[in-house]
Amino acid sequence: MSALFLLFFIVTFSYPLDAEEFPPKLLSEVGIFQDLGDQIINPELVPYTVNSPFWSDGTYKTRFMWLPIGEQIAFSPDQAWEFPQHTILIKNFYLELVRGDPNTKKIIETRLMVKNGRNDSWNGYSYQWNTEGTEAYLLSGSSTQTFVIDNPADPVAGFLLQDYYYPSGNDCLSCHTKAAGRVLGLRTSQLNRIMDGEQNQLRMLEEANIFRVDLPNELNELPKLPNPFDEQKSLQERARSYLATNCSQCHRPQSVSRTILDLRYDTKLSETNTVNAYPTLGALGSTDARIIAPGAASNSTIYLRMLSLDSFRMPSIGSTAIDIRGSRPIAQWITTMGVPTTVSDVKKSAHNVIDLSLNYPNPFNSATNINFQISEIGQTILSIHNIGGKNVRTLVDTELTPGRYHFLWDGRTDDGINVSSGVYFYRLQTEQFKINRRLSLIR
């Protein structure tokens, strides 16, 4: 990475950004790649990576930026950075052709954000790669492509179909909002991280003469978003980071007019207008919906929208797949809001109650939600059984405190193998109770 930085001001960009015909129809004419077939990046591009990545239907991404020669970024510790005219931000998207095998990654899209030279606005462009990976073509509007993905974990079908959405220029700007400063990933809280060479990424950028001012000596005191999947962080930190990255560009002051949510990471939870707030855009099947219902993810529309692919989906465009992994810390965080935290709180649970809700969706294809409530501390087991009574998956087998809990079953066994279509039973068992309910899986 540092070698690329050293070359930053040596090479000149190959395409005149102020040309009337920009962007060109072919990606090969832009100059991002020195070798398009082997996907060798032009060494003048500055690579970067982020702390909390945006969900893009399970794709891998590489990120680069290009600044006009002699131009620099106006750094801000807690606000959007200011970029010079003609700045280009580049993201390459890769999809696994064999599910779970990163060695089968194939490039499918290159996306550009370009600050135009006439005002302070940005333009978004999407290039769709051909099957051979030898050229990418500028799209005039949005497009959807279906990929056949080998799925060794499914012993029956052996494959799955994944739709991938290529956004239009207007789609890009619907997420890269003016209120959020248009540029989302290139900011202090996202880039403030230690790289493999044990140097802070911000310091590496500073040494490449990217910024107009010197950075503070203590970079660890600057804002930093946690990785939503870093289990060394608290559930609240992880969940708030995910929501900040995926939702706050719209859900913040002076942005979306239909809601008053503020999901920025540093906004106090009590000021986000979410906790115990009634939703204004539908209950999504919940009988007692809140935007966040403490202790009950199944009644929290902020979570339920993540599991939807219809008009209630969030984000509303640009995604055709549910982020199962990303939804887990959100559900767990909401659930723990209602869990007693002291011995005296536990003793206040006067009634011995156990409740196992109906799973949803049912029937399901990729994943289903299972919610339950217990009122006494003790060993709790939540398991999945086939119609013959054989245990195929144990979701929970531990001591739990009183409260409401939520878990997802992704249709896999304990060994990670996809089970076949059919009727299954989910069982909740404590020291005093055992409850069974039926669910259906359709592949």
Protein backbone atom coordinates (compact mmCIF):
# COMPACT_ATOMS: atom_id res chain seq x y z
CA MET A 1 0.00 0.00 0.00
CA SER A 2 2.77 2.46 0.90
CA ALA A 3 4.51 1.79 -2.42
CA LEU A 4 1.39 2.94 -4.23
CA PHE A 5 1.30 6.06 -2.09
CA LEU A 6 4.88 6.94 -3.05
CA LEU A 7 3.93 6.92 -6.72
CA PHE A 8 0.88 9.07 -6.22
CA PHE A 9 2.23 12.30 -7.71
CA ILE A 10 4.54 10.68 -10.25
CA VAL A 11 2.10 9.22 -12.77
CA THR A 12 -0.40 11.32 -14.70
CA PHE A 13 -3.97 10.20 -15.14
CA SER A 14 -4.68 9.09 -18.70
CA TYR A 15 -8.14 10.55 -19.31
CA PRO A 16 -8.98 14.29 -19.40
CA LEU A 17 -11.70 14.60 -16.80
CA ASP A 18 -12.92 17.92 -18.13
CA ALA A 19 -13.50 16.46 -21.60
CA GLU A 20 -17.06 16.83 -22.80
CA GLU A 21 -17.37 13.10 -23.50
CA PHE A 22 -16.39 12.02 -19.97
CA PRO A 23 -17.03 9.37 -18.86
CA PRO A 24 -16.08 7.15 -21.80
CA LYS A 25 -18.18 4.16 -22.76
CA LEU A 26 -15.37 1.68 -22.05
CA LEU A 27 -13.64 1.33 -18.69
CA SER A 28 -10.36 0.62 -20.48
CA GLU A 29 -10.37 4.24 -21.66
CA VAL A 30 -10.61 5.69 -18.15
CA GLY A 31 -7.13 4.58 -17.07
CA ILE A 32 -8.01 2.95 -13.75
CA PHE A 33 -6.23 -0.25 -14.73
CA GLN A 34 -2.75 -0.52 -16.20
CA ASP A 35 -3.73 -3.98 -17.43
CA LEU A 36 -7.47 -4.52 -17.68
CA GLY A 37 -7.30 -8.27 -18.34
CA ASP A 38 -5.11 -8.96 -15.30
CA GLN A 39 -6.79 -6.12 -13.37
CA ILE A 40 -3.53 -4.43 -12.44
CA ILE A 41 -4.40 -1.10 -10.85
CA ASN A 42 -2.83 2.11 -12.12
CA PRO A 43 -0.19 2.94 -9.50
CA GLU A 44 -1.28 6.58 -9.27
CA LEU A 45 -4.50 5.50 -7.53
CA VAL A 46 -4.48 5.64 -3.75
CA PRO A 47 -6.00 2.55 -2.10
CA TYR A 48 -7.89 2.69 1.15
CA THR A 49 -10.10 0.49 3.31
CA VAL A 50 -12.84 1.20 5.82
CA ASN A 51 -13.67 0.16 9.37
CA SER A 52 -17.37 -0.49 8.81
CA PRO A 53 -18.19 -1.60 5.24
CA PHE A 54 -21.51 -0.94 3.58
CA TRP A 55 -23.59 -4.06 2.81
CA SER A 56 -23.46 -4.79 -0.93
CA ASP A 57 -25.14 -8.18 -1.26
CA GLY A 58 -22.13 -10.11 -0.03
CA THR A 59 -19.67 -8.77 -2.59
CA TYR A 60 -16.02 -8.07 -1.90
CA LYS A 61 -14.82 -4.54 -2.61
CA THR A 62 -11.57 -2.74 -3.29
CA ARG A 63 -11.45 1.04 -2.96
CA PHE A 64 -9.25 3.70 -4.54
CA MET A 65 -9.16 7.45 -5.01
CA TRP A 66 -7.52 9.78 -7.47
CA LEU A 67 -6.84 13.47 -6.90
CA PRO A 68 -5.80 15.91 -9.62
CA ILE A 69 -2.07 16.55 -9.60
CA GLY A 70 -1.12 19.11 -6.95
CA GLU A 71 -4.56 19.08 -5.30
CA GLN A 72 -5.23 18.05 -1.69
CA ILE A 73 -8.11 17.17 0.66
CA ALA A 74 -9.35 19.51 3.37
CA PHE A 75 -9.25 17.22 6.41
CA SER A 76 -11.85 17.29 9.18
CA PRO A 77 -11.80 15.04 12.27
CA ASP A 78 -15.58 14.76 12.60
CA GLN A 79 -17.18 16.27 9.47
CA ALA A 80 -17.14 15.34 5.80
CA TRP A 81 -13.82 15.96 4.07
CA GLU A 82 -13.67 18.54 1.28
CA PHE A 83 -12.37 17.18 -2.03
CA PRO A 84 -10.98 19.14 -4.97
CA GLN A 85 -12.81 19.33 -8.28
CA HIS A 86 -12.37 16.30 -10.57
CA THR A 87 -11.65 13.92 -7.68
CA ILE A 88 -12.50 10.33 -8.67
CA LEU A 89 -13.50 7.67 -6.12
CA ILE A 90 -13.41 4.09 -7.38
CA LYS A 91 -14.90 0.86 -6.04
CA ASN A 92 -14.48 -2.55 -7.66
CA PHE A 93 -17.06 -5.22 -6.76
CA TYR A 94 -16.26 -8.94 -6.78
CA LEU A 95 -18.64 -11.89 -6.38
CA GLU A 96 -17.79 -15.45 -5.32
CA LEU A 97 -18.74 -17.91 -8.05
CA VAL A 98 -18.50 -20.72 -5.48
CA ARG A 99 -20.25 -19.81 -2.24
CA GLY A 100 -17.77 -19.64 0.62
CA ASP A 101 -14.65 -19.84 -1.57
CA PRO A 102 -12.90 -16.44 -1.85
CA ASN A 103 -10.52 -17.90 -4.43
CA THR A 104 -13.40 -17.86 -6.94
CA LYS A 105 -13.97 -14.09 -6.75
CA LYS A 106 -14.88 -12.51 -10.08
CA ILE A 107 -15.03 -8.79 -10.81
CA ILE A 108 -18.54 -7.73 -11.85
CA GLU A 109 -18.71 -3.96 -11.44
CA THR A 110 -16.55 -0.85 -11.20
CA ARG A 111 -18.32 2.16 -9.77
CA LEU A 112 -17.12 5.77 -9.97
CA MET A 113 -18.03 8.87 -8.01
CA VAL A 114 -16.68 11.98 -9.74
CA LYS A 115 -16.72 15.51 -8.41
CA ASN A 116 -17.58 17.58 -11.45
CA GLY A 117 -15.73 20.74 -12.36
CA ARG A 118 -18.73 23.06 -12.58
CA ASN A 119 -19.97 23.07 -9.00
CA ASP A 120 -19.66 21.10 -5.77
CA SER A 121 -21.88 18.21 -6.87
CA TRP A 122 -20.86 14.62 -7.58
CA ASN A 123 -21.85 12.26 -10.40
CA GLY A 124 -22.12 8.48 -10.11
CA TYR A 125 -21.27 6.04 -12.90
CA SER A 126 -21.46 2.25 -13.07
CA TYR A 127 -19.45 -0.02 -15.39
CA GLN A 128 -20.62 -3.61 -15.87
CA TRP A 129 -17.87 -6.14 -16.60
CA ASN A 130 -18.22 -8.74 -19.34
CA THR A 131 -18.16 -12.46 -18.60
CA GLU A 132 -14.52 -12.82 -19.62
CA GLY A 133 -13.36 -10.05 -17.27
CA THR A 134 -11.62 -8.23 -20.13
CA GLU A 135 -13.74 -5.07 -20.40
CA ALA A 136 -16.46 -3.14 -18.57
CA TYR A 137 -19.15 -1.01 -20.18
CA LEU A 138 -20.76 2.19 -18.95
CA LEU A 139 -24.43 1.74 -18.07
CA SER A 140 -26.91 4.42 -19.04
CA GLY A 141 -29.30 3.44 -16.26
CA SER A 142 -29.84 0.79 -13.60
CA SER A 143 -29.61 -2.88 -14.48
CA THR A 144 -29.96 -6.29 -12.84
CA GLN A 145 -27.94 -9.39 -13.70
CA THR A 146 -28.52 -12.94 -12.42
CA PHE A 147 -25.47 -15.02 -11.50
CA VAL A 148 -25.41 -18.80 -11.08
CA ILE A 149 -23.43 -19.49 -7.91
CA ASP A 150 -22.15 -22.97 -7.08
CA ASN A 151 -23.26 -23.88 -3.57
CA PRO A 152 -21.45 -26.98 -2.25
CA ALA A 153 -23.34 -26.67 1.04
CA ASP A 154 -26.59 -27.55 -0.73
CA PRO A 155 -26.47 -31.30 -1.46
CA VAL A 156 -29.73 -31.18 -3.41
CA ALA A 157 -29.53 -28.30 -5.89
CA GLY A 158 -25.82 -27.61 -5.69
CA PHE A 159 -26.27 -24.01 -6.84
CA LEU A 160 -28.23 -20.84 -6.22
CA LEU A 161 -29.26 -17.84 -8.28
CA GLN A 162 -28.18 -14.40 -7.12
CA ASP A 163 -29.54 -11.21 -8.61
CA TYR A 164 -27.11 -8.30 -8.60
CA TYR A 165 -28.26 -4.70 -8.99
CA TYR A 166 -26.21 -2.13 -10.90
CA PRO A 167 -27.32 1.35 -9.79
CA SER A 168 -28.03 4.33 -11.99
CA GLY A 169 -26.42 7.69 -11.35
CA ASN A 170 -29.52 8.87 -9.51
CA ASP A 171 -29.46 5.71 -7.40
CA CYS A 172 -25.91 6.53 -6.31
CA LEU A 173 -26.90 10.00 -5.15
CA SER A 174 -29.93 8.70 -3.26
CA CYS A 175 -27.50 7.09 -0.79
CA HIS A 176 -24.63 9.56 -1.19
CA THR A 177 -26.83 12.29 0.21
CA LYS A 178 -26.02 15.97 0.44
CA ALA A 179 -26.76 15.91 4.17
CA ALA A 180 -24.07 13.25 4.64
CA GLY A 181 -21.53 15.17 2.56
CA ARG A 182 -21.91 12.93 -0.55
CA VAL A 183 -18.70 10.98 0.22
CA LEU A 184 -19.40 8.27 2.81
CA GLY A 185 -16.38 6.00 3.19
CA LEU A 186 -13.58 8.56 2.92
CA ARG A 187 -13.84 10.21 6.31
CA THR A 188 -11.91 10.09 9.55
CA SER A 189 -14.08 7.64 11.48
CA GLN A 190 -13.93 5.10 8.63
CA LEU A 191 -10.21 5.37 7.79
CA ASN A 192 -8.85 5.71 11.32
CA ARG A 193 -7.41 2.20 11.62
CA ILE A 194 -4.15 0.31 11.97
CA MET A 195 -3.12 -1.42 8.74
CA ASP A 196 -1.17 -4.67 8.33
CA GLY A 197 2.10 -2.75 8.47
CA GLU A 198 1.07 -1.56 11.96
CA GLN A 199 0.79 2.04 10.81
CA ASN A 200 -2.34 4.12 10.99
CA GLN A 201 -3.99 4.49 7.58
CA LEU A 202 -4.56 8.21 8.18
CA ARG A 203 -0.84 8.66 8.81
CA MET A 204 -0.05 6.82 5.59
CA LEU A 205 -2.32 9.19 3.69
CA GLU A 206 -0.69 12.16 5.37
CA GLU A 207 2.76 10.94 4.35
CA ALA A 208 1.51 10.74 0.77
CA ASN A 209 0.79 14.49 0.98
CA ILE A 210 -2.95 13.96 0.60
CA PHE A 211 -4.07 16.54 3.17
CA ARG A 212 -3.77 20.33 3.23
CA VAL A 213 -2.91 20.35 6.95
CA ASP A 214 -0.85 18.22 9.33
CA LEU A 215 -2.85 15.64 11.27
CA PRO A 216 -2.91 15.52 15.08
CA ASN A 217 -0.16 13.54 16.79
CA GLU A 218 -2.61 11.26 18.63
CA LEU A 219 -4.70 9.71 15.89
CA ASN A 220 -6.26 7.21 18.29
CA GLU A 221 -8.13 10.12 19.89
CA LEU A 222 -9.93 10.89 16.62
CA PRO A 223 -13.36 9.37 15.83
CA LYS A 224 -13.28 5.71 14.86
CA LEU A 225 -16.12 3.42 13.82
CA PRO A 226 -15.84 -0.12 15.21
CA ASN A 227 -16.14 -3.16 12.97
CA PRO A 228 -19.74 -4.43 13.38
CA PHE A 229 -18.41 -8.00 13.48
CA ASP A 230 -15.63 -7.44 16.02
CA GLU A 231 -16.88 -9.39 19.02
CA GLN A 232 -14.35 -7.61 21.24
CA LYS A 233 -16.64 -4.60 20.99
CA SER A 234 -19.95 -4.23 22.79
CA LEU A 235 -23.20 -5.10 21.03
CA GLN A 236 -24.27 -1.48 21.15
CA GLU A 237 -21.03 -0.29 19.52
CA ARG A 238 -21.32 -2.92 16.79
CA ALA A 239 -25.00 -2.32 16.10
CA ARG A 240 -24.68 1.47 16.10
CA SER A 241 -21.73 1.25 13.73
CA TYR A 242 -23.71 -0.94 11.31
CA LEU A 243 -26.67 1.44 11.38
CA ALA A 244 -24.42 4.47 10.96
CA THR A 245 -22.79 2.99 7.85
CA ASN A 246 -25.89 1.53 6.22
CA CYS A 247 -28.64 3.90 7.32
CA SER A 248 -27.43 7.25 8.65
CA GLN A 249 -26.68 8.81 5.26
CA CYS A 250 -30.47 9.17 4.91
CA HIS A 251 -31.63 8.94 8.51
CA ARG A 252 -30.14 12.12 9.90
CA PRO A 253 -31.15 15.77 10.19
CA GLN A 254 -31.87 17.62 6.92
CA SER A 255 -32.15 14.43 4.90
CA VAL A 256 -35.22 12.14 4.68
CA SER A 257 -38.37 14.16 5.28
CA ARG A 258 -40.70 11.26 6.07
CA THR A 259 -38.98 10.27 9.32
CA ILE A 260 -37.05 12.04 12.05
CA LEU A 261 -34.59 9.25 12.86
CA ASP A 262 -30.99 10.16 13.54
CA LEU A 263 -28.82 7.06 13.21
CA ARG A 264 -25.43 8.74 13.21
CA TYR A 265 -22.98 6.86 15.41
CA ASP A 266 -22.31 9.65 17.89
CA THR A 267 -25.95 10.61 18.41
CA LYS A 268 -27.12 9.61 21.89
CA LEU A 269 -29.49 6.65 21.72
CA SER A 270 -32.14 8.65 23.56
CA GLU A 271 -31.95 11.29 20.80
CA THR A 272 -32.17 8.93 17.80
CA ASN A 273 -36.01 8.97 17.96
CA THR A 274 -36.07 5.17 17.76
CA VAL A 275 -36.52 3.62 21.21
CA ASN A 276 -40.21 2.87 21.86
CA ALA A 277 -41.10 5.24 19.00
CA TYR A 278 -44.07 4.26 16.84
CA PRO A 279 -43.25 3.61 13.17
CA THR A 280 -44.93 5.81 10.56
CA LEU A 281 -44.30 3.58 7.53
CA GLY A 282 -45.90 0.27 8.51
CA ALA A 283 -45.68 -2.33 11.26
CA LEU A 284 -44.30 -5.13 9.01
CA GLY A 285 -46.58 -7.73 10.56
CA SER A 286 -45.75 -6.92 14.17
CA THR A 287 -48.66 -6.77 16.61
CA ASP A 288 -47.03 -4.10 18.79
CA ALA A 289 -44.49 -2.42 16.54
CA ARG A 290 -41.94 0.16 17.61
CA ILE A 291 -38.95 1.37 15.66
CA ILE A 292 -36.89 -0.18 18.45
CA ALA A 293 -38.85 -2.22 20.98
CA PRO A 294 -36.41 -2.93 23.83
CA GLY A 295 -36.19 -6.65 24.44
CA ALA A 296 -38.19 -7.59 21.33
CA ALA A 297 -36.42 -7.58 17.98
CA SER A 298 -39.52 -9.20 16.46
CA ASN A 299 -41.47 -6.00 17.22
CA SER A 300 -38.72 -3.63 16.06
CA THR A 301 -39.20 -2.30 12.55
CA ILE A 302 -35.59 -1.10 12.33
CA TYR A 303 -34.66 -4.79 12.38
CA LEU A 304 -37.65 -6.18 10.47
CA ARG A 305 -36.87 -3.91 7.51
CA MET A 306 -33.49 -5.61 7.22
CA LEU A 307 -35.26 -8.94 6.72
CA SER A 308 -37.66 -7.72 4.06
CA LEU A 309 -37.21 -7.70 0.29
CA ASP A 310 -40.48 -5.95 -0.57
CA SER A 311 -41.34 -2.25 -0.60
CA PHE A 312 -40.57 -2.03 3.13
CA ARG A 313 -36.95 -3.01 2.52
CA MET A 314 -34.15 -0.88 3.90
CA PRO A 315 -32.13 0.21 2.09
CA SER A 316 -34.96 0.71 -0.35
CA ILE A 317 -32.83 0.35 -3.50
CA GLY A 318 -29.61 -1.26 -4.60
CA SER A 319 -29.89 -4.57 -2.77
CA THR A 320 -31.53 -7.88 -3.63
CA ALA A 321 -30.25 -10.01 -0.73
CA ILE A 322 -30.79 -10.01 3.03
CA ASP A 323 -27.72 -9.39 5.17
CA ILE A 324 -28.19 -12.31 7.55
CA ARG A 325 -24.83 -11.80 9.23
CA GLY A 326 -25.35 -8.07 9.65
CA SER A 327 -28.84 -8.48 11.08
CA ARG A 328 -27.60 -10.60 14.00
CA PRO A 329 -25.86 -7.92 16.08
CA ILE A 330 -28.87 -5.65 15.52
CA ALA A 331 -31.28 -8.31 16.83
CA GLN A 332 -29.02 -9.23 19.74
CA TRP A 333 -28.53 -5.59 20.72
CA ILE A 334 -32.27 -4.92 20.73
CA THR A 335 -32.94 -8.12 22.67
CA THR A 336 -30.44 -7.29 25.40
CA MET A 337 -32.10 -3.93 25.97
CA GLY A 338 -34.87 -5.76 27.81
CA VAL A 339 -32.78 -8.31 29.70
CA PRO A 340 -32.42 -7.79 33.50
CA THR A 341 -28.83 -6.99 34.46
CA THR A 342 -28.82 -7.38 38.26
CA VAL A 343 -29.79 -10.08 40.74
CA SER A 344 -32.56 -7.89 42.13
CA ASP A 345 -33.98 -7.46 38.64
CA VAL A 346 -34.05 -11.22 38.19
CA LYS A 347 -35.89 -11.73 41.48
CA LYS A 348 -38.60 -9.33 40.31
CA SER A 349 -39.69 -11.86 37.68
CA ALA A 350 -42.60 -13.11 39.71
CA HIS A 351 -44.15 -15.55 37.26
CA ASN A 352 -42.52 -18.55 35.66
CA VAL A 353 -43.27 -17.75 32.01
CA ILE A 354 -42.02 -19.31 28.81
CA ASP A 355 -43.19 -18.27 25.36
CA LEU A 356 -42.08 -19.54 21.96
CA SER A 357 -43.41 -17.34 19.14
CA LEU A 358 -44.30 -18.48 15.66
CA ASN A 359 -41.29 -18.23 13.38
CA TYR A 360 -41.32 -15.76 10.49
CA PRO A 361 -41.26 -15.93 7.60
CA ASN A 362 -42.93 -19.32 7.36
CA PRO A 363 -42.47 -21.04 4.98
CA PHE A 364 -38.96 -19.64 4.45
CA ASN A 365 -36.15 -19.95 1.96
CA SER A 366 -32.89 -18.41 3.19
CA ALA A 367 -33.49 -17.77 6.90
CA THR A 368 -36.27 -17.62 9.47
CA ASN A 369 -36.60 -15.77 12.79
CA ILE A 370 -37.32 -17.56 16.06
CA ASN A 371 -38.23 -15.53 19.14
CA PHE A 372 -38.86 -16.69 22.68
CA GLN A 373 -39.23 -15.34 26.18
CA ILE A 374 -38.19 -16.84 29.53
CA SER A 375 -38.72 -15.46 33.04
CA GLU A 376 -36.29 -17.54 35.10
CA ILE A 377 -32.55 -17.91 34.87
CA GLY A 378 -31.48 -21.38 33.82
CA GLN A 379 -30.18 -23.72 31.14
CA THR A 380 -32.02 -23.09 27.86
CA ILE A 381 -31.92 -25.15 24.66
CA LEU A 382 -33.31 -24.06 21.29
CA SER A 383 -32.94 -26.75 18.64
CA ILE A 384 -34.19 -27.75 15.19
CA HIS A 385 -35.42 -31.31 14.47
CA ASN A 386 -36.47 -33.07 11.29
CA ILE A 387 -39.83 -34.78 10.96
CA GLY A 388 -38.31 -38.00 12.29
CA GLY A 389 -37.23 -36.27 15.50
CA LYS A 390 -33.50 -36.13 14.73
CA ASN A 391 -31.67 -33.03 15.94
CA VAL A 392 -30.23 -31.20 12.92
CA ARG A 393 -29.20 -27.89 14.53
CA THR A 394 -28.73 -26.55 18.06
CA LEU A 395 -29.08 -22.77 18.08
CA VAL A 396 -28.84 -22.27 21.85
CA ASP A 397 -27.52 -24.47 24.64
CA THR A 398 -26.48 -22.24 27.51
CA GLU A 399 -27.66 -20.58 30.70
CA LEU A 400 -29.79 -17.51 29.98
CA THR A 401 -31.16 -14.78 32.20
CA PRO A 402 -34.83 -13.71 32.01
CA GLY A 403 -35.79 -11.75 28.92
CA ARG A 404 -36.76 -11.92 25.26
CA TYR A 405 -34.41 -13.55 22.78
CA HIS A 406 -34.13 -13.74 19.01
CA PHE A 407 -32.25 -16.18 16.80
CA LEU A 408 -32.04 -16.92 13.10
CA TRP A 409 -31.98 -20.35 11.49
CA ASP A 410 -30.40 -20.31 8.05
CA GLY A 411 -31.54 -23.81 7.04
CA ARG A 412 -28.17 -25.40 7.85
CA THR A 413 -27.09 -28.21 10.13
CA ASP A 414 -24.52 -27.85 12.90
CA ASP A 415 -21.92 -28.84 10.29
CA GLY A 416 -22.96 -26.02 7.96
CA ILE A 417 -24.75 -28.26 5.43
CA ASN A 418 -27.97 -27.00 3.88
CA VAL A 419 -30.91 -29.24 4.76
CA SER A 420 -33.47 -30.17 2.13
CA SER A 421 -36.95 -28.74 1.72
CA GLY A 422 -39.57 -30.06 4.10
CA VAL A 423 -41.26 -29.77 7.48
CA TYR A 424 -39.10 -29.28 10.58
CA PHE A 425 -39.77 -28.62 14.25
CA TYR A 426 -38.11 -26.07 16.51
CA ARG A 427 -38.02 -26.90 20.21
CA LEU A 428 -37.50 -24.63 23.22
CA GLN A 429 -36.54 -26.50 26.38
CA THR A 430 -35.81 -25.23 29.89
CA GLU A 431 -35.61 -27.04 33.21
CA GLN A 432 -39.39 -26.72 33.63
CA PHE A 433 -40.84 -26.59 30.11
CA LYS A 434 -40.57 -27.98 26.63
CA ILE A 435 -42.41 -26.44 23.66
CA ASN A 436 -42.41 -27.59 20.01
CA ARG A 437 -43.56 -25.66 16.95
CA ARG A 438 -43.54 -26.52 13.25
CA LEU A 439 -41.89 -24.66 10.37
CA SER A 440 -41.48 -25.28 6.64
CA LEU A 441 -38.41 -24.83 4.45
CA ILE A 442 -38.75 -24.36 0.70
CA ARG A 443 -35.60 -24.41 -1.45
